[in-house]
Protein backbone atom coordinates (compact mmCIF):
# COMPACT_ATOMS: atom_id res chain seq x y z
CA MET A 1 -223.73 7.20 62.74
CA THR A 2 -226.82 8.64 64.41
CA LEU A 3 -227.23 7.83 68.08
CA ASP A 4 -230.98 7.42 67.61
CA ARG A 5 -230.52 4.26 65.54
CA MET A 6 -230.90 0.94 67.34
CA LEU A 7 -227.78 -1.11 66.68
CA HIS A 8 -227.60 -4.83 66.11
CA PRO A 9 -225.86 -6.41 69.14
CA ASP A 10 -222.94 -7.60 66.99
CA GLU A 11 -222.41 -4.09 65.58
CA ALA A 12 -222.60 -2.56 69.04
CA ARG A 13 -220.13 -5.08 70.38
CA SER A 14 -217.69 -4.29 67.57
CA ILE A 15 -217.95 -0.57 68.39
CA VAL A 16 -217.16 -1.27 72.04
CA LEU A 17 -214.23 -3.60 71.39
CA ALA A 18 -212.69 -1.28 68.79
CA ARG A 19 -212.22 1.27 71.57
CA VAL A 20 -210.61 -1.06 74.08
CA SER A 21 -206.89 -0.65 74.79
CA ARG A 22 -204.82 -3.27 76.53
CA LEU A 23 -203.57 -2.13 79.92
CA GLU A 24 -199.87 -2.20 80.73
CA PRO A 25 -198.79 -5.63 82.03
CA GLU A 26 -197.37 -5.99 85.52
CA ASP A 27 -195.10 -8.43 87.32
CA VAL A 28 -196.74 -10.23 90.26
CA ALA A 29 -195.63 -12.90 92.70
CA LEU A 30 -196.54 -16.41 91.58
CA GLU A 31 -198.71 -17.00 94.66
CA ASP A 32 -200.77 -13.93 93.69
CA ALA A 33 -201.13 -14.83 90.01
CA GLY A 34 -204.15 -17.14 90.24
CA ASP A 35 -206.98 -16.14 87.88
CA ARG A 36 -204.79 -13.48 86.25
CA TYR A 37 -204.24 -13.42 82.48
CA LEU A 38 -200.76 -14.27 81.21
CA ALA A 39 -199.27 -11.30 79.35
CA TYR A 40 -196.86 -13.16 77.04
CA ASP A 41 -196.46 -16.61 75.52
CA LEU A 42 -194.66 -18.94 77.92
CA VAL A 43 -192.01 -20.99 76.08
CA ALA A 44 -190.06 -23.76 77.80
CA ASP A 45 -186.36 -23.01 78.24
CA VAL A 46 -185.55 -26.47 79.66
CA ASP A 47 -186.65 -30.08 79.28
CA LEU A 48 -188.91 -31.44 82.00
CA PRO A 49 -188.14 -33.73 83.60
CA PRO A 50 -184.45 -32.89 83.08
CA PHE A 51 -183.34 -36.46 83.87
CA PRO A 52 -184.79 -39.98 83.39
CA ALA A 53 -186.62 -40.99 86.57
CA ALA A 54 -188.28 -44.05 88.05
CA THR A 55 -192.07 -44.15 87.96
CA MET A 56 -192.31 -47.03 90.45
CA ASP A 57 -190.49 -48.32 93.52
CA GLY A 58 -188.29 -51.26 92.52
CA PHE A 59 -184.89 -52.05 91.05
CA ALA A 60 -183.03 -50.35 88.22
CA VAL A 61 -181.75 -53.04 85.84
CA LEU A 62 -180.36 -53.66 82.38
CA HIS A 63 -183.29 -54.90 80.33
CA THR A 64 -180.98 -57.30 78.43
CA ASP A 65 -179.66 -58.95 81.62
CA THR A 66 -180.97 -62.52 82.05
CA SER A 67 -179.23 -63.29 85.36
CA PRO A 68 -181.90 -64.55 87.79
CA ILE A 69 -179.98 -63.51 90.92
CA ARG A 70 -178.24 -60.14 90.97
CA GLU A 71 -176.10 -58.06 93.28
CA ILE A 72 -177.51 -54.84 94.76
CA VAL A 73 -174.96 -52.08 94.17
CA GLY A 74 -176.73 -49.02 95.52
CA ALA A 75 -179.97 -47.23 96.29
CA GLY A 76 -181.55 -44.09 94.88
CA PHE A 77 -184.21 -41.80 96.30
CA ALA A 78 -186.05 -38.78 94.91
CA GLY A 79 -183.73 -35.81 95.25
CA ASP A 80 -180.53 -37.87 95.08
CA ALA A 81 -177.91 -37.53 92.36
CA PRO A 82 -177.73 -40.52 89.99
CA GLY A 83 -176.02 -43.49 91.66
CA GLU A 84 -173.10 -45.63 90.52
CA MET A 85 -173.00 -47.58 87.26
CA VAL A 86 -175.24 -50.66 87.00
CA ALA A 87 -173.62 -53.51 85.04
CA LEU A 88 -174.68 -57.04 84.07
CA GLY A 89 -175.54 -59.07 87.13
CA GLN A 90 -176.24 -55.94 89.16
CA VAL A 91 -179.27 -53.86 90.19
CA ALA A 92 -179.80 -50.65 92.15
CA ARG A 93 -182.62 -50.19 94.62
CA ILE A 94 -184.68 -47.20 93.42
CA MET A 95 -187.71 -45.22 94.58
CA THR A 96 -190.34 -43.37 92.57
CA GLY A 97 -188.97 -40.07 91.27
CA ALA A 98 -185.31 -40.98 91.74
CA PRO A 99 -182.92 -40.49 88.80
CA ILE A 100 -182.01 -43.63 86.87
CA PRO A 101 -178.37 -44.64 87.54
CA PRO A 102 -175.94 -44.93 84.62
CA GLY A 103 -176.18 -48.20 82.71
CA ALA A 104 -179.73 -49.04 83.83
CA THR A 105 -182.38 -49.23 81.10
CA ALA A 106 -185.52 -50.31 82.97
CA VAL A 107 -187.10 -50.55 86.42
CA VAL A 108 -188.57 -53.81 87.71
CA PRO A 109 -191.33 -53.21 90.30
CA VAL A 110 -190.49 -54.41 93.80
CA GLU A 111 -193.46 -56.79 93.78
CA ASN A 112 -191.78 -58.75 90.95
CA THR A 113 -188.64 -59.39 93.02
CA VAL A 114 -187.46 -61.29 96.10
CA MET A 115 -184.55 -60.05 98.24
CA THR A 116 -182.25 -62.50 100.04
CA ASN A 117 -178.97 -61.72 101.82
CA GLY A 118 -178.27 -58.49 99.95
CA ARG A 119 -179.07 -59.98 96.57
CA VAL A 120 -182.28 -59.88 94.57
CA GLU A 121 -184.08 -62.44 92.45
CA ILE A 122 -185.90 -61.00 89.41
CA ARG A 123 -189.18 -62.83 88.88
CA GLN A 124 -190.38 -60.88 85.85
CA GLN A 125 -190.13 -62.95 82.67
CA VAL A 126 -189.79 -60.07 80.18
CA VAL A 127 -188.25 -56.68 80.91
CA ARG A 128 -188.67 -54.08 78.19
CA GLU A 129 -186.28 -51.23 77.52
CA GLY A 130 -187.55 -48.03 79.15
CA GLU A 131 -190.10 -49.87 81.30
CA ASN A 132 -191.21 -47.80 84.31
CA ILE A 133 -188.85 -44.97 83.38
CA ARG A 134 -190.04 -41.42 82.74
CA PRO A 135 -187.76 -40.11 79.95
CA ILE A 136 -186.22 -36.65 79.74
CA GLY A 137 -188.73 -34.17 78.31
CA THR A 138 -191.82 -36.29 78.94
CA ASP A 139 -193.71 -33.28 80.30
CA LEU A 140 -192.23 -30.65 78.00
CA ARG A 141 -189.37 -29.97 75.63
CA ARG A 142 -187.18 -26.89 75.38
CA GLY A 143 -188.86 -24.49 72.90
CA ASP A 144 -192.38 -25.85 73.42
CA LEU A 145 -195.17 -23.26 73.66
CA LEU A 146 -196.55 -24.09 77.08
CA ILE A 147 -199.11 -21.41 77.86
CA PRO A 148 -200.35 -18.91 75.25
CA ALA A 149 -200.65 -15.24 76.12
CA GLY A 150 -204.11 -14.38 77.38
CA THR A 151 -204.58 -17.66 79.25
CA ARG A 152 -206.20 -17.32 82.65
CA LEU A 153 -203.82 -18.87 85.14
CA GLY A 154 -205.21 -21.75 87.16
CA PRO A 155 -203.67 -24.50 89.32
CA ALA A 156 -202.06 -26.38 86.41
CA GLU A 157 -200.57 -23.25 84.85
CA LEU A 158 -199.17 -22.05 88.17
CA GLY A 159 -197.63 -25.48 88.71
CA ILE A 160 -195.92 -25.32 85.31
CA LEU A 161 -194.56 -21.85 86.05
CA ALA A 162 -193.20 -22.99 89.40
CA SER A 163 -191.57 -26.07 87.84
CA LEU A 164 -189.76 -23.80 85.39
CA GLY A 165 -188.38 -21.59 88.14
CA TYR A 166 -190.72 -18.61 87.95
CA ALA A 167 -191.18 -16.84 91.28
CA THR A 168 -192.99 -14.00 89.52
CA VAL A 169 -194.99 -13.81 86.30
CA VAL A 170 -196.04 -10.98 83.97
CA VAL A 171 -199.81 -10.66 83.72
CA GLY A 172 -202.32 -8.16 82.41
CA ARG A 173 -203.16 -5.41 84.87
CA ARG A 174 -206.61 -5.68 86.39
CA PRO A 175 -208.90 -2.92 85.10
CA ARG A 176 -209.89 -0.53 87.89
CA VAL A 177 -213.67 -0.41 87.84
CA ALA A 178 -216.21 1.90 89.48
CA VAL A 179 -219.78 0.67 89.84
CA PHE A 180 -222.78 2.63 91.00
CA SER A 181 -226.54 2.27 90.88
CA THR A 182 -228.70 5.33 90.32
CA GLY A 183 -232.26 6.07 91.30
CA ASN A 184 -234.32 7.72 94.04
CA GLU A 185 -236.32 4.52 94.35
CA LEU A 186 -233.31 2.50 95.54
CA VAL A 187 -232.30 1.82 99.13
CA PRO A 188 -229.42 -0.28 100.53
CA PRO A 189 -230.07 -4.00 101.18
CA ASP A 190 -230.22 -3.50 104.95
CA ALA A 191 -232.80 -0.69 104.75
CA GLN A 192 -236.55 -1.13 104.90
CA PRO A 193 -238.01 0.11 101.60
CA GLY A 194 -240.63 2.82 101.90
CA PRO A 195 -243.59 3.32 99.55
CA GLY A 196 -242.40 3.10 95.94
CA GLN A 197 -238.89 2.00 96.92
CA ILE A 198 -236.92 -1.20 96.28
CA ARG A 199 -233.59 -2.55 97.49
CA ASP A 200 -230.57 -2.02 95.25
CA SER A 201 -229.51 -5.35 93.73
CA ASN A 202 -227.74 -4.29 90.54
CA ARG A 203 -224.69 -2.88 92.27
CA PHE A 204 -223.90 -6.16 93.99
CA SER A 205 -224.55 -8.23 90.87
CA LEU A 206 -222.29 -5.97 88.81
CA VAL A 207 -219.48 -5.89 91.39
CA GLN A 208 -219.38 -9.68 91.51
CA ALA A 209 -219.67 -9.98 87.71
CA ALA A 210 -216.76 -7.55 87.25
CA ARG A 211 -214.58 -9.38 89.76
CA ARG A 212 -215.39 -12.70 88.12
CA VAL A 213 -213.73 -11.54 84.88
CA GLY A 214 -210.68 -10.20 86.73
CA ALA A 215 -211.51 -6.55 87.42
CA ASP A 216 -210.44 -4.64 90.53
CA VAL A 217 -213.54 -2.84 91.81
CA VAL A 218 -212.16 0.34 93.40
CA LEU A 219 -215.44 2.14 94.00
CA SER A 220 -219.10 1.25 94.32
CA GLY A 221 -222.07 3.18 95.58
CA LEU A 222 -225.70 4.22 95.35
CA VAL A 223 -226.43 7.66 93.86
CA ARG A 224 -229.69 9.58 93.84
CA ASP A 225 -231.23 10.99 90.65
CA GLU A 226 -229.86 14.45 91.35
CA GLU A 227 -227.54 16.21 88.94
CA ALA A 228 -225.09 17.42 91.58
CA ALA A 229 -224.81 13.97 93.17
CA LEU A 230 -224.35 12.29 89.80
CA ARG A 231 -221.70 14.80 88.70
CA ALA A 232 -219.76 14.22 91.90
CA ALA A 233 -220.02 10.45 91.49
CA PHE A 234 -218.79 10.58 87.89
CA ALA A 235 -215.92 12.92 88.81
CA ASP A 236 -214.78 10.57 91.57
CA ALA A 237 -215.13 7.51 89.34
CA LEU A 238 -213.28 9.02 86.39
CA ALA A 239 -210.42 10.09 88.65
CA ARG A 240 -209.93 6.56 89.97
CA ALA A 241 -211.14 4.04 87.40
CA ASP A 242 -210.39 2.73 83.93
CA VAL A 243 -214.02 1.66 83.51
CA VAL A 244 -217.20 3.21 84.93
CA ILE A 245 -220.35 1.09 85.04
CA THR A 246 -223.71 2.55 86.01
CA SER A 247 -227.18 1.04 86.14
CA GLY A 248 -230.31 3.10 85.62
CA GLY A 249 -230.90 6.55 84.19
CA VAL A 250 -230.27 5.70 80.52
CA SER A 251 -233.80 5.42 79.14
CA MET A 252 -236.26 8.14 78.10
CA GLY A 253 -237.68 9.29 81.46
CA ASP A 254 -237.56 12.82 82.88
CA ARG A 255 -235.19 11.67 85.62
CA ASP A 256 -232.94 9.58 83.39
CA LEU A 257 -230.04 11.96 83.98
CA VAL A 258 -227.14 9.60 83.38
CA LYS A 259 -227.67 9.66 79.63
CA GLY A 260 -227.38 13.44 79.51
CA LEU A 261 -224.32 13.57 81.73
CA LEU A 262 -222.52 10.98 79.62
CA GLY A 263 -223.01 13.27 76.64
CA GLU A 264 -221.34 16.12 78.54
CA LEU A 265 -218.49 14.19 80.11
CA ALA A 266 -217.53 11.82 77.31
CA GLU A 267 -217.98 10.95 73.65
CA VAL A 268 -221.09 8.80 73.31
CA HIS A 269 -220.99 6.00 70.73
CA ILE A 270 -224.08 3.92 71.51
CA ARG A 271 -227.50 4.77 72.93
CA ARG A 272 -229.79 1.87 72.01
CA ILE A 273 -229.46 -1.81 71.06
CA PHE A 274 -231.83 -3.92 68.94
CA MET A 275 -231.94 -6.45 71.74
CA LYS A 276 -234.28 -7.74 74.41
CA PRO A 277 -233.70 -7.32 77.27
CA GLY A 278 -231.33 -4.38 77.26
CA LYS A 279 -232.47 -1.93 74.57
CA PRO A 280 -231.34 1.17 76.51
CA PHE A 281 -227.55 0.84 76.63
CA ASN A 282 -225.11 3.74 76.65
CA PHE A 283 -221.45 3.44 75.80
CA ALA A 284 -219.07 6.39 75.90
CA THR A 285 -215.35 7.06 76.15
CA THR A 286 -212.97 9.66 77.48
CA ASP A 287 -209.27 9.78 76.64
CA ARG A 288 -208.58 7.29 79.45
CA ALA A 289 -211.81 5.56 80.45
CA LEU A 290 -214.69 3.47 79.14
CA LEU A 291 -218.18 4.31 80.44
CA PHE A 292 -221.08 1.86 80.30
CA GLY A 293 -224.60 3.01 81.13
CA LEU A 294 -226.64 -0.14 81.71
CA PRO A 295 -230.42 -0.35 82.15
CA GLY A 296 -231.94 -0.33 85.61
CA ASN A 297 -233.94 -3.52 85.23
CA PRO A 298 -231.85 -6.26 86.90
CA VAL A 299 -231.94 -8.79 84.06
CA SER A 300 -231.34 -6.15 81.36
CA CYS A 301 -228.41 -4.93 83.42
CA LEU A 302 -226.72 -8.34 83.65
CA VAL A 303 -227.41 -9.26 80.03
CA GLY A 304 -225.80 -5.98 78.98
CA PHE A 305 -222.81 -6.69 81.19
CA GLU A 306 -222.24 -10.20 79.85
CA THR A 307 -222.74 -9.12 76.22
CA PHE A 308 -220.69 -5.92 76.11
CA VAL A 309 -218.82 -5.13 79.34
CA ALA A 310 -217.28 -8.51 80.18
CA PRO A 311 -215.58 -8.88 76.76
CA ALA A 312 -214.10 -5.39 77.12
CA LEU A 313 -212.75 -6.12 80.61
CA ARG A 314 -211.13 -9.32 79.36
CA MET A 315 -209.51 -7.56 76.40
CA MET A 316 -208.07 -4.87 78.67
CA GLN A 317 -206.17 -7.63 80.48
CA GLY A 318 -204.78 -9.08 77.23
CA ALA A 319 -207.24 -11.96 77.09
CA PRO A 320 -209.53 -12.92 74.21
CA ALA A 321 -212.82 -11.02 74.31
CA ASP A 322 -214.79 -14.23 73.86
CA VAL A 323 -214.59 -17.08 76.29
CA ALA A 324 -218.30 -17.85 76.11
CA PRO A 325 -218.74 -20.31 73.22
CA ARG A 326 -221.73 -20.07 70.89
CA VAL A 327 -223.20 -23.51 70.25
CA PRO A 328 -226.21 -24.97 68.40
CA VAL A 329 -228.94 -26.30 70.68
CA THR A 330 -232.34 -27.91 70.27
CA ILE A 331 -235.11 -26.29 72.28
CA THR A 332 -237.44 -28.63 74.16
CA HIS A 333 -240.36 -26.23 74.45
CA THR A 334 -242.18 -23.69 72.32
CA LEU A 335 -240.90 -20.11 72.23
CA GLN A 336 -242.63 -16.90 71.22
CA PRO A 337 -240.15 -14.51 69.57
CA SER A 338 -240.37 -10.78 70.17
CA ASP A 339 -239.79 -7.81 67.88
CA ARG A 340 -236.07 -7.75 68.76
CA ILE A 341 -233.21 -10.21 69.09
CA GLU A 342 -233.79 -11.76 72.48
CA HIS A 343 -231.30 -13.25 74.92
CA GLN A 344 -233.40 -15.62 77.00
CA ARG A 345 -231.86 -17.05 80.15
CA ALA A 346 -231.60 -20.78 79.62
CA VAL A 347 -230.59 -24.15 80.96
CA VAL A 348 -228.39 -26.09 78.51
CA TRP A 349 -227.64 -29.78 78.96
CA VAL A 350 -226.23 -32.79 77.11
CA ALA A 351 -229.02 -35.07 75.89
CA GLU A 352 -228.74 -38.87 75.73
CA ASP A 353 -227.77 -38.70 72.05
CA GLY A 354 -224.86 -36.37 72.88
CA THR A 355 -226.41 -33.22 71.39
CA LEU A 356 -227.15 -30.07 73.37
CA HIS A 357 -230.72 -29.33 74.40
CA ALA A 358 -232.02 -26.19 76.06
CA ARG A 359 -235.04 -24.62 77.69
CA ASN A 360 -235.57 -21.14 79.05
CA THR A 361 -235.92 -20.48 82.76
CA GLY A 362 -239.54 -19.39 82.68
CA ASN A 363 -240.86 -15.84 82.77
CA GLN A 364 -238.32 -13.69 80.93
CA ILE A 365 -239.43 -10.19 81.96
CA SER A 366 -236.46 -7.89 82.46
CA ALA A 367 -237.19 -7.22 86.13
CA ARG A 368 -237.14 -10.91 87.10
CA LEU A 369 -233.64 -11.62 88.38
CA MET A 370 -234.72 -15.17 89.29
CA SER A 371 -234.56 -16.00 85.57
CA PHE A 372 -230.75 -16.07 85.99
CA VAL A 373 -230.78 -18.56 88.86
CA GLY A 374 -229.68 -21.97 87.58
CA SER A 375 -229.11 -20.71 84.05
CA ASN A 376 -225.86 -21.53 82.27
CA GLY A 377 -226.44 -19.71 79.00
CA PHE A 378 -228.47 -17.40 76.81
CA LEU A 379 -230.78 -18.64 74.07
CA VAL A 380 -230.42 -16.26 71.12
CA VAL A 381 -233.96 -15.96 69.75
CA PRO A 382 -234.27 -14.08 66.43
CA PRO A 383 -237.10 -11.56 66.04
CA GLY A 384 -240.33 -12.78 64.49
CA GLU A 385 -244.03 -13.37 64.90
CA ASP A 386 -244.39 -17.13 64.51
CA VAL A 387 -244.09 -19.43 67.51
CA LEU A 388 -240.96 -21.60 67.44
CA PRO A 389 -241.95 -25.23 68.10
CA ALA A 390 -240.05 -27.66 70.31
CA GLY A 391 -237.26 -29.21 68.26
CA THR A 392 -236.22 -25.89 66.69
CA ARG A 393 -232.47 -25.38 66.43
CA LEU A 394 -231.19 -22.11 67.90
CA GLU A 395 -227.87 -20.67 68.98
CA ALA A 396 -226.94 -20.51 72.66
CA ILE A 397 -224.20 -18.51 74.35
CA LEU A 398 -222.74 -20.66 77.10
CA LEU A 399 -221.97 -18.90 80.37
CA GLY A 400 -220.94 -22.17 82.01
CA ALA A 401 -220.43 -25.82 81.14
CA PRO A 402 -223.52 -27.69 79.87
CA TYR A 403 -225.19 -29.79 82.53
CA ALA A 404 -224.81 -33.56 82.27
CA SER A 405 -228.59 -34.03 82.25
CA GLU A 406 -231.79 -32.01 82.15
CA ARG A 407 -232.56 -29.86 85.17
């Protein structure tokens, strides 16, 4: 494969993912496991709940008992052991969550009863077997697959783990990531730009984007377009990180030094993508690290990250590469295709008929970071010359849930 050839985005993505290795899993405390990716399938080793329990405050009864007035033989609360046997003519006072006493087959809500002198009158005409009782195994059964490997752990998953007795959980290790922006024209956000200078935005966008998919950013910085400075930055990054992400210096300019250094320090697999924005994209590997050289234009940089880097970071943690679904949408405005596959920043929403509609976010030039604000997806626009009219069906890559209405 010649590095001069522009690769289709799907081909480039396959090249990247074929070189991703899963990192060794690690055991972490349950309270620290939020947003981590589960390393192995979680299979239930018990039934939950492990005992039949009341779902309402009331009285545990035999559903076949027709006695209108019955003797109260005990009381049960959540956390108690099951009470004494309930026989015909008897009931047991019971609270929500308490285990059902032996003999009882239903719970009558307290509002359907009247208590007098230690006895209770049942004023419910029909009592069905199992009424207001949560059976054993309602939540899960022994042997059930509860959480597949690769699932990102959220509140519900952590609750399940805790209910099964897990104080720790095995998750994919977070990739250690180094991020740096390159360019003599860049200054820190708190500096006043001089003539021909701009503030560095890519580094902060990339750090947040990497953390959002679970990475541990161990190094970030701003490096001038000087060979010695770049060599030192790469040496530091490669000594500390599993993944190195740079922005700038990968195009065809005289000071685009990153591209040349990648060729010296690593094996380069990709130089250019048949995609807009984001044609200049470098991907290289060493024996222990992935290196991504993203374009310097802010939008091109983020599109490249979402398309190629984020899937790799997820895979390294044992998660599926794709969590962003591709869905058909109807565009509500005309679009002018370009000479390359284009990923236009878009707003996707659910129309009144239940189908997905989309529009782009305005000017799509690669330096306009505002095109990302409010967007929840990419419109994938095929190359061509003819204007696409409103009503055309295209594919969208969702970066978030569709909005409930047009914005």
